[in-house]
Amino acid sequence: MARRGLGWGLLAGGLLLVALLAAAAFIWRDDILRTALDPKVPYQTYTAPPTPDYAKADAWALLPARPGEIAADAPAADVFFVHPTTYDGGGDWNAPVSKAQAGQMLANVMLPNYAGPFERVGRVFAPRYRQASLYTRLTLREDAREARRFAYQDVRAAFRQFVTAYNGDRPFILVGVEQGGELASRLLQEEIAPDPVLRGRLGGVYLIETVTPADLYGPGSLTPACQTRVQTGCVVAYATVQAGDREAGRMLLERAVVWNSVGDLVDLDGRPALCVNPLLGAQTDDAASERMNLGAANATGLEWGVRPAFLKRQASAQCQGGVLKVSKPRSDAFKSVGRWSDRKKVSGYNIFYADLEADAQARLDTWKLARLAQR
């Protein structure tokens, strides 16, 4: 009997230990998974992947068949699109542009959902670049900031190739999403805003899921925040959190880093963030109800150029304290799915798909009318 009691005791103790370990793994799962993505090499001794050549087609995720020629049926504008994070990390601080898994997510998820809204507006140019890994967005370490700074040189090189070899004197729209929005915001400040010729061709700027300081886009700015839907050369920027989740909004702003005047990434440090409501096309704290939502879309898995089905009136949106508070979508088609790392990236759907498409088209139409009036 004593042996049987000892056996049951050992079994119970073992089960309790397993339960405690499972509970600990659940509680600290984010830390465990985040640590697995750490390259574990100082950035100063890290060897970056090979530099992409933007004169070659394989350096672009999206590129017209004859980018230097304008076909008779081509849209009247171009779109320079900087994609969000698709590479998790673990092996590299910055992903090689040939990374298969990151490229698959880019093609299947990010381009259909976030470049797709601009496909009817203009020819889309989307460079591959040595993106900073997802890990660099989960930590504020200096190594991570170095990796995020490093990615900018590729985006700048791709944009210069776009301007000199492909765009000609056509109007263009700048779009960046999450990491891509961070890089596009610097591109706007350093390459576009100071150049009156480029600035004059700028139909609009979209910094999607991007925290950027509002003081850079005030009324006196060369590229101000959009105040109406028929304003051109202005900036639409927003970063979303679910309505009612105050903690998420606070954490988003506290962990945000932005560019300073010498190209370093520094803490937002209490500066107000820019929020332009995509349902209203304006920088305002006014609430936009669900009925104003022109169409959400889950375009994941669709081939490029295939138009997704739209679901209208899925979510309301309101800028509050520098973040865009969005209500929970009505449809089950708009739920976060996939691995832990996938859920840390931007959503695999776009609540504002049709709204962004209509907004960009309205700004481009206004730009064309203004150009005709000048002739």
Foldseek 3Di string as FASTA:
>chain_A
DVVVVVVVVVVVVVVVVVVVVVVVCVVCVVVVVLVQQDLPDFLVPDDADDADDLVDPLQWLFAPPPQQDDDPPFAQEEEEEEWFAQAAHNNDQWDDLVPPRSSLCCQQFTCCFPVVLCVNRGRYTYGRWRAGHLSLLVDPDPSSQVSLLVRLVNSLVNVVCCVPRGGDQTAYEYEYEHSGLQSVVVCCVPPQLVDPSNLLRFLEYERHLAWDFQVCADPPHSAHAFAALQAGSHYAYAREDAPPCPVVVVVVQQSAWHADPVRGTDRPVPGFTFHADLLGSRRDQDKFALQSQPFKFQRRRPGPPDDTDTDGSFWIWGDDRRHIHIHHGPDPSFDADDDPSSSSIDGSIGSRSNSSSVSSNSSVVSSVVVVVVVD
